[in-house]
Each structure stands twice: as C-alpha cells, then as structure tokens.
Amino acid sequence: MRVARFAGEDDPQFGVVGDEDGVPTIAVLKGDPLYAGFELTGQKVPLDDVRLLAPVIPRSKVVGVGRNYAAHAAELGNDVPERPLVFLKPNTTVVGPGDPVVHPDQSEDVQFEGELAVVIGRICKDVSAEDAPKVIFGYTVGNDVTARDLQHSDGQWARAKGFDTFCPLGPWIETNLDPADLRVSTELNGEQRQDGRTSDMVFSVADVIEYVSSFMTLLPGDVILTGTPEGVGRMVAGDRVSVTVEGIGTLTNQVVPHD
C-alpha cells in the first residue's frame, strides 16, 4: 500500500495511491494513518491534480546512519564502522517531492546522498532485530543532503547535515516492502551517479533498529535514513537530483541558491 500526504484545501491530507480505470488516483483517508488507522472518506482525486508533500513530518527526529555501505566509506577515505554510526537531523530538514533544496552560503560543497528511508509506526524501545518489522510503518525515499566541507571542518555532523531542506522525503510511503535487496540509484541532471543495492548495507534495517532503539526511544513518524551507496557528489544551484528506490518510486528536487 502506498500512502501519500498531499496539500488539501485547508490542512494536509493523507490518502492511498491506487488506480481508477487506468488513472492514478488517491483515495482520501480520515486523518493521519499513523494515528487514525486506514479509514477511507470515500473521496477519490486524480494523483496528477494534487501536490504531494513529504509523506511524513517526524514529530521527533530523523536518525541517520553513516558509512553503511563499504564502498561509500572507502570513496571518502573512511573505515567501515564496527557498529552503526548514528547521527541526528532535525525535523526542520524535511521537505517533500518537488520542493527546493536550499544551498547554504556557508558551504562550497553540498552533496547528494540517495537512501532508503524507514518510517517508524509505533513507540518502541529495546527492539530486537527479529521484532524490528513489527515497529515499521513503511518505507520511503530519502536524500541525506550533506555539506561535505563543513562535515570535515566541524569535526561533528550537526551543521553539515542539519540545514533546513537537507532531508527531502517522498514521494510516498510503501507499507508492503522487503528492504533486503532493493536498488538505490541517484541521477544528477539526468546522469546516473549512484547505483547500489540495499543488500550491500553493512548493517541491515533490522540491525539498525535494534541498535538505535537500544539507547533512544523511537516514536511514530520517526524516520531512519539507512545510508547511501558510493557515488555521492557535489550539487549546485540549478541542479536537479532524482533518487529512486526500487519498489517505492522516485524523489526529485532542485537545488536553489540561498536568498
């Protein structure tokens, strides 16, 4: 099931993406399915007639996992960590499909990182890897935008990862997906730059949830970015970045200069 969040007449609405006589549609839901469940209103709208928003705005946090693909760690001259290398991005980094990514004046090397993102479905702590699927609401596409020069100069990653608009998510959440072996690819202005598979992750989705939940409580709507394949690179104002995860879809955003 694909769950989308879209701009309604007043407040954002949620719906299930489907097909009506060959036309992609959204069957509108009553409230946020993370909290209200899947109750349909009976209304259907053509998908092309709505503006999709970030499928979830984390009430609490975005958790990132660094160097979770060995080839990506190597391309930046880093060792593979012995345990998941975890960092946080504020929820103010989150934007949706088609929204601009603002290039900050403080950085001269802003880079894309296409990733599979996990959306947590319920409050949980100390989750075993075996039980991890029980706490997952679904999966979406993410771009862990990073100011690489600030990441190197600061010695920690809060600023490099934390600028507003530095976490595009979308286009929707897929609730029925096996994350074990999915293709993750990124195009910059139509040219492929990343092409990896989640089977190459150092730590699986379940491993990451077990580790993260061992020291912090995860809340409904929290997002975990699972790491990026090799091929990351610089993007500048005017560039168009598209991240595709097999079984979910494509997330596209354009880079704009800071006003």
C-alpha atoms as a PDB file:
ATOM      1  CA  MET A   1       0.000   0.000   0.000  1.00  0.00           C
ATOM      2  CA  ARG A   2       1.283   3.433  -0.940  1.00  0.00           C
ATOM      3  CA  VAL A   3       0.371   6.194   1.491  1.00  0.00           C
ATOM      4  CA  ALA A   4       0.730   9.768   0.293  1.00  0.00           C
ATOM      5  CA  ARG A   5       0.442  13.101   2.055  1.00  0.00           C
ATOM      6  CA  PHE A   6      -0.824  15.929  -0.114  1.00  0.00           C
ATOM      7  CA  ALA A   7      -1.924  19.532   0.005  1.00  0.00           C
ATOM      8  CA  GLY A   8      -5.619  19.737   0.837  1.00  0.00           C
ATOM      9  CA  GLU A   9      -7.963  22.688   0.720  1.00  0.00           C
ATOM     10  CA  ASP A  10      -7.025  23.666   4.279  1.00  0.00           C
ATOM     11  CA  ASP A  11      -4.665  21.252   6.036  1.00  0.00           C
ATOM     12  CA  PRO A  12      -2.547  18.472   4.537  1.00  0.00           C
ATOM     13  CA  GLN A  13      -4.455  15.259   3.845  1.00  0.00           C
ATOM     14  CA  PHE A  14      -3.467  11.617   3.543  1.00  0.00           C
ATOM     15  CA  GLY A  15      -4.554   9.030   1.031  1.00  0.00           C
ATOM     16  CA  VAL A  16      -3.842   5.664  -0.543  1.00  0.00           C
ATOM     17  CA  VAL A  17      -2.349   5.805  -4.025  1.00  0.00           C
ATOM     18  CA  GLY A  18      -4.051   3.479  -6.489  1.00  0.00           C
ATOM     19  CA  ASP A  19      -5.538   3.211  -9.941  1.00  0.00           C
ATOM     20  CA  GLU A  20      -9.044   4.038 -11.142  1.00  0.00           C
ATOM     21  CA  ASP A  21      -9.762   2.851 -14.697  1.00  0.00           C
ATOM     22  CA  GLY A  22      -6.138   3.375 -15.661  1.00  0.00           C
ATOM     23  CA  VAL A  23      -5.887   6.792 -13.986  1.00  0.00           C
ATOM     24  CA  PRO A  24      -3.588   7.115 -10.938  1.00  0.00           C
ATOM     25  CA  THR A  25      -5.736   8.269  -8.025  1.00  0.00           C
ATOM     26  CA  ILE A  26      -5.591   8.968  -4.303  1.00  0.00           C
ATOM     27  CA  ALA A  27      -8.307   7.513  -2.091  1.00  0.00           C
ATOM     28  CA  VAL A  28      -8.543  10.062   0.725  1.00  0.00           C
ATOM     29  CA  LEU A  29      -8.136   8.904   4.333  1.00  0.00           C
ATOM     30  CA  LYS A  30      -9.671  10.280   7.507  1.00  0.00           C
ATOM     31  CA  GLY A  31      -6.713  11.743   9.377  1.00  0.00           C
ATOM     32  CA  ASP A  32      -3.124  10.595   9.645  1.00  0.00           C
ATOM     33  CA  PRO A  33      -2.951   6.784   9.287  1.00  0.00           C
ATOM     34  CA  LEU A  34      -0.057   6.641  11.749  1.00  0.00           C
ATOM     35  CA  TYR A  35      -2.517   7.624  14.445  1.00  0.00           C
ATOM     36  CA  ALA A  36      -6.026   7.214  12.999  1.00  0.00           C
ATOM     37  CA  GLY A  37      -5.616   3.982  11.031  1.00  0.00           C
ATOM     38  CA  PHE A  38      -6.815   3.380   7.489  1.00  0.00           C
ATOM     39  CA  GLU A  39     -10.355   4.735   7.301  1.00  0.00           C
ATOM     40  CA  LEU A  40     -11.415   5.972   3.867  1.00  0.00           C
ATOM     41  CA  THR A  41     -13.616   9.035   3.354  1.00  0.00           C
ATOM     42  CA  GLY A  42     -14.990   7.739   0.049  1.00  0.00           C
ATOM     43  CA  GLN A  43     -13.446  10.651  -1.835  1.00  0.00           C
ATOM     44  CA  LYS A  44     -11.004   9.989  -4.679  1.00  0.00           C
ATOM     45  CA  VAL A  45      -8.884  12.545  -6.505  1.00  0.00           C
ATOM     46  CA  PRO A  46      -6.593  12.169  -9.532  1.00  0.00           C
ATOM     47  CA  LEU A  47      -2.971  11.955  -8.473  1.00  0.00           C
ATOM     48  CA  ASP A  48      -1.970  14.487 -11.129  1.00  0.00           C
ATOM     49  CA  ASP A  49      -4.340  17.060  -9.609  1.00  0.00           C
ATOM     50  CA  VAL A  50      -2.655  17.211  -6.199  1.00  0.00           C
ATOM     51  CA  ARG A  51       0.651  18.495  -4.898  1.00  0.00           C
ATOM     52  CA  LEU A  52       2.467  15.792  -2.973  1.00  0.00           C
ATOM     53  CA  LEU A  53       4.092  16.752   0.304  1.00  0.00           C
ATOM     54  CA  ALA A  54       6.703  14.996   2.394  1.00  0.00           C
ATOM     55  CA  PRO A  55       4.865  11.774   3.289  1.00  0.00           C
ATOM     56  CA  VAL A  56       5.723  12.230   6.971  1.00  0.00           C
ATOM     57  CA  ILE A  57       6.955  15.095   9.135  1.00  0.00           C
ATOM     58  CA  PRO A  58       8.718  13.443  12.068  1.00  0.00           C
ATOM     59  CA  ARG A  59       7.262  14.678  15.359  1.00  0.00           C
ATOM     60  CA  SER A  60      10.570  13.836  16.993  1.00  0.00           C
ATOM     61  CA  LYS A  61      13.632  13.106  14.869  1.00  0.00           C
ATOM     62  CA  VAL A  62      15.382  11.865  11.756  1.00  0.00           C
ATOM     63  CA  VAL A  63      18.082   9.305  12.535  1.00  0.00           C
ATOM     64  CA  GLY A  64      20.872   8.910  10.017  1.00  0.00           C
ATOM     65  CA  VAL A  65      23.321   6.035   9.621  1.00  0.00           C
ATOM     66  CA  GLY A  66      26.742   6.936   8.275  1.00  0.00           C
ATOM     67  CA  ARG A  67      29.100   4.765   6.234  1.00  0.00           C
ATOM     68  CA  ASN A  68      26.623   1.900   5.979  1.00  0.00           C
ATOM     69  CA  TYR A  69      27.888   0.886   2.534  1.00  0.00           C
ATOM     70  CA  ALA A  70      31.528  -0.204   2.460  1.00  0.00           C
ATOM     71  CA  ALA A  71      32.179   1.292  -0.983  1.00  0.00           C
ATOM     72  CA  HIS A  72      30.826   4.676   0.127  1.00  0.00           C
ATOM     73  CA  ALA A  73      33.019   4.639   3.222  1.00  0.00           C
ATOM     74  CA  ALA A  74      36.004   3.847   1.017  1.00  0.00           C
ATOM     75  CA  GLU A  75      35.288   6.612  -1.511  1.00  0.00           C
ATOM     76  CA  LEU A  76      35.551   9.182   1.286  1.00  0.00           C
ATOM     77  CA  GLY A  77      38.633   7.552   2.788  1.00  0.00           C
ATOM     78  CA  ASN A  78      36.868   6.165   5.858  1.00  0.00           C
ATOM     79  CA  ASP A  79      36.880   2.784   7.549  1.00  0.00           C
ATOM     80  CA  VAL A  80      33.722   0.722   7.898  1.00  0.00           C
ATOM     81  CA  PRO A  81      32.405   1.220  11.449  1.00  0.00           C
ATOM     82  CA  GLU A  82      32.206  -1.718  13.851  1.00  0.00           C
ATOM     83  CA  ARG A  83      28.688  -0.688  14.884  1.00  0.00           C
ATOM     84  CA  PRO A  84      26.130   1.617  13.228  1.00  0.00           C
ATOM     85  CA  LEU A  85      27.440   5.182  13.065  1.00  0.00           C
ATOM     86  CA  VAL A  86      24.408   7.214  14.087  1.00  0.00           C
ATOM     87  CA  PHE A  87      23.665  10.931  13.784  1.00  0.00           C
ATOM     88  CA  LEU A  88      20.542  13.092  14.012  1.00  0.00           C
ATOM     89  CA  LYS A  89      18.944  15.540  11.631  1.00  0.00           C
ATOM     90  CA  PRO A  90      16.287  17.955  12.930  1.00  0.00           C
ATOM     91  CA  ASN A  91      12.772  17.565  11.567  1.00  0.00           C
ATOM     92  CA  THR A  92      13.131  21.049  10.059  1.00  0.00           C
ATOM     93  CA  THR A  93      15.384  19.479   7.415  1.00  0.00           C
ATOM     94  CA  VAL A  94      12.422  17.599   5.914  1.00  0.00           C
ATOM     95  CA  VAL A  95      10.903  18.731   2.623  1.00  0.00           C
ATOM     96  CA  GLY A  96       8.806  16.898   0.058  1.00  0.00           C
ATOM     97  CA  PRO A  97       8.966  15.907  -3.595  1.00  0.00           C
ATOM     98  CA  GLY A  98       9.437  18.887  -5.866  1.00  0.00           C
ATOM     99  CA  ASP A  99      10.414  21.180  -3.009  1.00  0.00           C
ATOM    100  CA  PRO A 100      13.660  23.139  -3.358  1.00  0.00           C
ATOM    101  CA  VAL A 101      16.870  22.220  -1.580  1.00  0.00           C
ATOM    102  CA  VAL A 102      18.471  25.480  -0.487  1.00  0.00           C
ATOM    103  CA  HIS A 103      22.230  25.701  -0.984  1.00  0.00           C
ATOM    104  CA  PRO A 104      23.575  27.474   2.131  1.00  0.00           C
ATOM    105  CA  ASP A 105      26.092  30.274   1.792  1.00  0.00           C
ATOM    106  CA  GLN A 106      28.283  28.644   4.439  1.00  0.00           C
ATOM    107  CA  SER A 107      29.199  25.682   2.231  1.00  0.00           C
ATOM    108  CA  GLU A 108      31.046  25.282  -1.043  1.00  0.00           C
ATOM    109  CA  ASP A 109      30.491  21.517  -1.293  1.00  0.00           C
ATOM    110  CA  VAL A 110      26.871  20.420  -0.825  1.00  0.00           C
ATOM    111  CA  GLN A 111      26.393  16.776  -1.844  1.00  0.00           C
ATOM    112  CA  PHE A 112      23.511  14.389  -2.526  1.00  0.00           C
ATOM    113  CA  GLU A 113      23.157  11.023  -0.774  1.00  0.00           C
ATOM    114  CA  GLY A 114      20.316   8.857  -2.069  1.00  0.00           C
ATOM    115  CA  GLU A 115      18.935   6.450   0.537  1.00  0.00           C
ATOM    116  CA  LEU A 116      16.205   4.067   1.578  1.00  0.00           C
ATOM    117  CA  ALA A 117      14.292   5.636   4.491  1.00  0.00           C
ATOM    118  CA  VAL A 118      12.347   3.756   7.172  1.00  0.00           C
ATOM    119  CA  VAL A 119       9.249   5.226   8.843  1.00  0.00           C
ATOM    120  CA  ILE A 120       8.611   4.007  12.386  1.00  0.00           C
ATOM    121  CA  GLY A 121       4.998   3.066  13.135  1.00  0.00           C
ATOM    122  CA  ARG A 122       4.760   2.925  16.913  1.00  0.00           C
ATOM    123  CA  ILE A 123       6.545   3.940  20.081  1.00  0.00           C
ATOM    124  CA  CYS A 124       9.267   1.424  20.834  1.00  0.00           C
ATOM    125  CA  LYS A 125      12.437   0.833  22.846  1.00  0.00           C
ATOM    126  CA  ASP A 126      14.890  -2.069  23.034  1.00  0.00           C
ATOM    127  CA  VAL A 127      13.561  -3.735  19.882  1.00  0.00           C
ATOM    128  CA  SER A 128      15.313  -6.924  18.808  1.00  0.00           C
ATOM    129  CA  ALA A 129      16.317  -7.354  15.175  1.00  0.00           C
ATOM    130  CA  GLU A 130      13.812 -10.186  14.973  1.00  0.00           C
ATOM    131  CA  ASP A 131      10.976  -7.899  16.086  1.00  0.00           C
ATOM    132  CA  ALA A 132      12.050  -4.874  14.025  1.00  0.00           C
ATOM    133  CA  PRO A 133       9.455  -5.441  11.247  1.00  0.00           C
ATOM    134  CA  LYS A 134       6.696  -5.077  13.853  1.00  0.00           C
ATOM    135  CA  VAL A 135       7.594  -1.426  14.510  1.00  0.00           C
ATOM    136  CA  ILE A 136       7.981  -0.343  10.873  1.00  0.00           C
ATOM    137  CA  PHE A 137       5.105   1.560   9.281  1.00  0.00           C
ATOM    138  CA  GLY A 138       6.716   1.602   5.848  1.00  0.00           C
ATOM    139  CA  TYR A 139       9.498   2.834   3.613  1.00  0.00           C
ATOM    140  CA  THR A 140      10.122   5.932   1.532  1.00  0.00           C
ATOM    141  CA  VAL A 141      12.928   7.551  -0.495  1.00  0.00           C
ATOM    142  CA  GLY A 142      15.349   9.971   1.135  1.00  0.00           C
ATOM    143  CA  ASN A 143      18.176  12.300   0.194  1.00  0.00           C
ATOM    144  CA  ASP A 144      20.558  12.885   3.091  1.00  0.00           C
ATOM    145  CA  VAL A 145      21.901  16.204   1.797  1.00  0.00           C
ATOM    146  CA  THR A 146      25.294  16.980   3.332  1.00  0.00           C
ATOM    147  CA  ALA A 147      27.608  19.975   3.377  1.00  0.00           C
ATOM    148  CA  ARG A 148      30.744  17.882   2.984  1.00  0.00           C
ATOM    149  CA  ASP A 149      33.241  20.659   3.673  1.00  0.00           C
ATOM    150  CA  LEU A 150      31.503  21.537   6.940  1.00  0.00           C
ATOM    151  CA  GLN A 151      31.339  17.867   7.876  1.00  0.00           C
ATOM    152  CA  HIS A 152      35.115  17.742   7.603  1.00  0.00           C
ATOM    153  CA  SER A 153      35.881  21.098   9.227  1.00  0.00           C
ATOM    154  CA  ASP A 154      33.460  20.915  12.153  1.00  0.00           C
ATOM    155  CA  GLY A 155      34.567  17.525  13.464  1.00  0.00           C
ATOM    156  CA  GLN A 156      30.929  16.587  14.073  1.00  0.00           C
ATOM    157  CA  TRP A 157      27.978  16.498  11.726  1.00  0.00           C
ATOM    158  CA  ALA A 158      25.169  18.591  13.227  1.00  0.00           C
ATOM    159  CA  ARG A 159      25.648  21.624  10.983  1.00  0.00           C
ATOM    160  CA  ALA A 160      26.679  19.682   7.870  1.00  0.00           C
ATOM    161  CA  LYS A 161      23.547  17.532   7.994  1.00  0.00           C
ATOM    162  CA  GLY A 162      21.154  19.918   9.701  1.00  0.00           C
ATOM    163  CA  PHE A 163      20.395  22.830   7.380  1.00  0.00           C
ATOM    164  CA  ASP A 164      16.745  23.455   6.552  1.00  0.00           C
ATOM    165  CA  THR A 165      15.686  21.461   3.413  1.00  0.00           C
ATOM    166  CA  PHE A 166      18.546  18.946   3.837  1.00  0.00           C
ATOM    167  CA  CYS A 167      16.244  15.902   4.086  1.00  0.00           C
ATOM    168  CA  PRO A 168      13.901  15.508   1.105  1.00  0.00           C
ATOM    169  CA  LEU A 169      11.489  12.582   1.556  1.00  0.00           C
ATOM    170  CA  GLY A 170       8.900  11.075  -0.805  1.00  0.00           C
ATOM    171  CA  PRO A 171       7.057  10.615  -2.976  1.00  0.00           C
ATOM    172  CA  TRP A 172       5.009   8.378  -0.601  1.00  0.00           C
ATOM    173  CA  ILE A 173       5.350   5.599   1.948  1.00  0.00           C
ATOM    174  CA  GLU A 174       5.245   1.987   0.766  1.00  0.00           C
ATOM    175  CA  THR A 175       3.921  -0.190   3.593  1.00  0.00           C
ATOM    176  CA  ASN A 176       4.456  -3.587   1.951  1.00  0.00           C
ATOM    177  CA  LEU A 177       8.103  -3.977   1.025  1.00  0.00           C
ATOM    178  CA  ASP A 178      11.031  -6.273   1.730  1.00  0.00           C
ATOM    179  CA  PRO A 179      14.083  -3.989   2.205  1.00  0.00           C
ATOM    180  CA  ALA A 180      16.677  -6.749   1.936  1.00  0.00           C
ATOM    181  CA  ASP A 181      17.744  -6.275  -1.699  1.00  0.00           C
ATOM    182  CA  LEU A 182      16.457  -3.107  -3.372  1.00  0.00           C
ATOM    183  CA  ARG A 183      18.176  -0.995  -5.997  1.00  0.00           C
ATOM    184  CA  VAL A 184      19.021   2.543  -4.846  1.00  0.00           C
ATOM    185  CA  SER A 185      20.060   4.962  -7.588  1.00  0.00           C
ATOM    186  CA  THR A 186      20.581   8.698  -7.977  1.00  0.00           C
ATOM    187  CA  GLU A 187      20.634  10.903 -11.062  1.00  0.00           C
ATOM    188  CA  LEU A 188      22.077  14.404 -11.240  1.00  0.00           C
ATOM    189  CA  ASN A 189      20.581  16.375 -14.136  1.00  0.00           C
ATOM    190  CA  GLY A 190      19.596  13.095 -15.806  1.00  0.00           C
ATOM    191  CA  GLU A 191      23.036  11.484 -15.439  1.00  0.00           C
ATOM    192  CA  GLN A 192      23.287   8.455 -13.173  1.00  0.00           C
ATOM    193  CA  ARG A 193      25.704   8.969 -10.294  1.00  0.00           C
ATOM    194  CA  GLN A 194      24.754   6.303  -7.740  1.00  0.00           C
ATOM    195  CA  ASP A 195      23.679   2.713  -8.307  1.00  0.00           C
ATOM    196  CA  GLY A 196      23.702   0.332  -5.362  1.00  0.00           C
ATOM    197  CA  ARG A 197      21.617  -2.281  -3.590  1.00  0.00           C
ATOM    198  CA  THR A 198      20.434  -2.458  -0.012  1.00  0.00           C
ATOM    199  CA  SER A 199      21.882  -5.957   0.162  1.00  0.00           C
ATOM    200  CA  ASP A 200      25.280  -4.207   0.286  1.00  0.00           C
ATOM    201  CA  MET A 201      24.473  -2.478   3.570  1.00  0.00           C
ATOM    202  CA  VAL A 202      26.930  -3.209   6.358  1.00  0.00           C
ATOM    203  CA  PHE A 203      24.071  -3.189   8.867  1.00  0.00           C
ATOM    204  CA  SER A 204      20.577  -4.261   7.806  1.00  0.00           C
ATOM    205  CA  VAL A 205      17.421  -2.296   8.544  1.00  0.00           C
ATOM    206  CA  ALA A 206      16.643  -4.675  11.397  1.00  0.00           C
ATOM    207  CA  ASP A 207      20.182  -4.350  12.806  1.00  0.00           C
ATOM    208  CA  VAL A 208      19.935  -0.561  12.723  1.00  0.00           C
ATOM    209  CA  ILE A 209      16.566  -0.502  14.512  1.00  0.00           C
ATOM    210  CA  GLU A 210      17.890  -2.853  17.195  1.00  0.00           C
ATOM    211  CA  TYR A 211      20.943  -0.662  17.754  1.00  0.00           C
ATOM    212  CA  VAL A 212      19.191   2.722  17.698  1.00  0.00           C
ATOM    213  CA  SER A 213      16.334   1.587  19.937  1.00  0.00           C
ATOM    214  CA  SER A 214      18.836   0.250  22.469  1.00  0.00           C
ATOM    215  CA  PHE A 215      19.630   3.811  23.572  1.00  0.00           C
ATOM    216  CA  MET A 216      16.760   6.018  22.384  1.00  0.00           C
ATOM    217  CA  THR A 217      13.003   5.641  22.208  1.00  0.00           C
ATOM    218  CA  LEU A 218      11.611   5.696  18.684  1.00  0.00           C
ATOM    219  CA  LEU A 219       8.268   7.417  18.156  1.00  0.00           C
ATOM    220  CA  PRO A 220       5.593   7.071  15.464  1.00  0.00           C
ATOM    221  CA  GLY A 221       6.708   9.013  12.403  1.00  0.00           C
ATOM    222  CA  ASP A 222      10.403   8.973  13.243  1.00  0.00           C
ATOM    223  CA  VAL A 223      12.499   8.399  10.122  1.00  0.00           C
ATOM    224  CA  ILE A 224      15.681   6.358   9.832  1.00  0.00           C
ATOM    225  CA  LEU A 225      17.956   7.035   6.850  1.00  0.00           C
ATOM    226  CA  THR A 226      19.791   3.777   6.212  1.00  0.00           C
ATOM    227  CA  GLY A 227      22.929   5.005   4.461  1.00  0.00           C
ATOM    228  CA  THR A 228      23.987   5.750   0.908  1.00  0.00           C
ATOM    229  CA  PRO A 229      25.818   3.776  -1.812  1.00  0.00           C
ATOM    230  CA  GLU A 230      29.007   5.018  -3.402  1.00  0.00           C
ATOM    231  CA  GLY A 231      28.874   7.790  -5.994  1.00  0.00           C
ATOM    232  CA  VAL A 232      27.933  10.779  -3.863  1.00  0.00           C
ATOM    233  CA  GLY A 233      28.819  14.102  -5.393  1.00  0.00           C
ATOM    234  CA  ARG A 234      28.526  17.844  -5.419  1.00  0.00           C
ATOM    235  CA  MET A 235      25.390  19.660  -6.477  1.00  0.00           C
ATOM    236  CA  VAL A 236      24.985  23.379  -7.099  1.00  0.00           C
ATOM    237  CA  ALA A 237      22.127  25.801  -7.567  1.00  0.00           C
ATOM    238  CA  GLY A 238      20.144  24.861 -10.667  1.00  0.00           C
ATOM    239  CA  ASP A 239      20.907  21.143 -10.418  1.00  0.00           C
ATOM    240  CA  ARG A 240      18.086  18.598 -10.380  1.00  0.00           C
ATOM    241  CA  VAL A 241      18.531  15.480  -8.251  1.00  0.00           C
ATOM    242  CA  SER A 242      16.379  12.351  -8.569  1.00  0.00           C
ATOM    243  CA  VAL A 243      16.678   9.431  -6.145  1.00  0.00           C
ATOM    244  CA  THR A 244      14.927   6.153  -6.982  1.00  0.00           C
ATOM    245  CA  VAL A 245      14.391   3.192  -4.682  1.00  0.00           C
ATOM    246  CA  GLU A 246      13.110   0.000  -6.255  1.00  0.00           C
ATOM    247  CA  GLY A 247       9.567  -0.819  -5.191  1.00  0.00           C
ATOM    248  CA  ILE A 248       8.834   2.710  -3.983  1.00  0.00           C
ATOM    249  CA  GLY A 249       9.395   5.366  -6.648  1.00  0.00           C
ATOM    250  CA  THR A 250      11.420   8.459  -7.467  1.00  0.00           C
ATOM    251  CA  LEU A 251      12.032  11.580  -5.386  1.00  0.00           C
ATOM    252  CA  THR A 252      13.083  14.666  -7.346  1.00  0.00           C
ATOM    253  CA  ASN A 253      14.239  18.046  -6.013  1.00  0.00           C
ATOM    254  CA  GLN A 254      16.006  21.062  -7.442  1.00  0.00           C
ATOM    255  CA  VAL A 255      18.814  22.959  -5.766  1.00  0.00           C
ATOM    256  CA  VAL A 256      18.283  26.706  -5.384  1.00  0.00           C
ATOM    257  CA  PRO A 257      20.576  29.445  -4.072  1.00  0.00           C
ATOM    258  CA  HIS A 258      20.110  30.922  -0.637  1.00  0.00           C
ATOM    259  CA  ASP A 259      18.209  34.207  -0.836  1.00  0.00           C
END
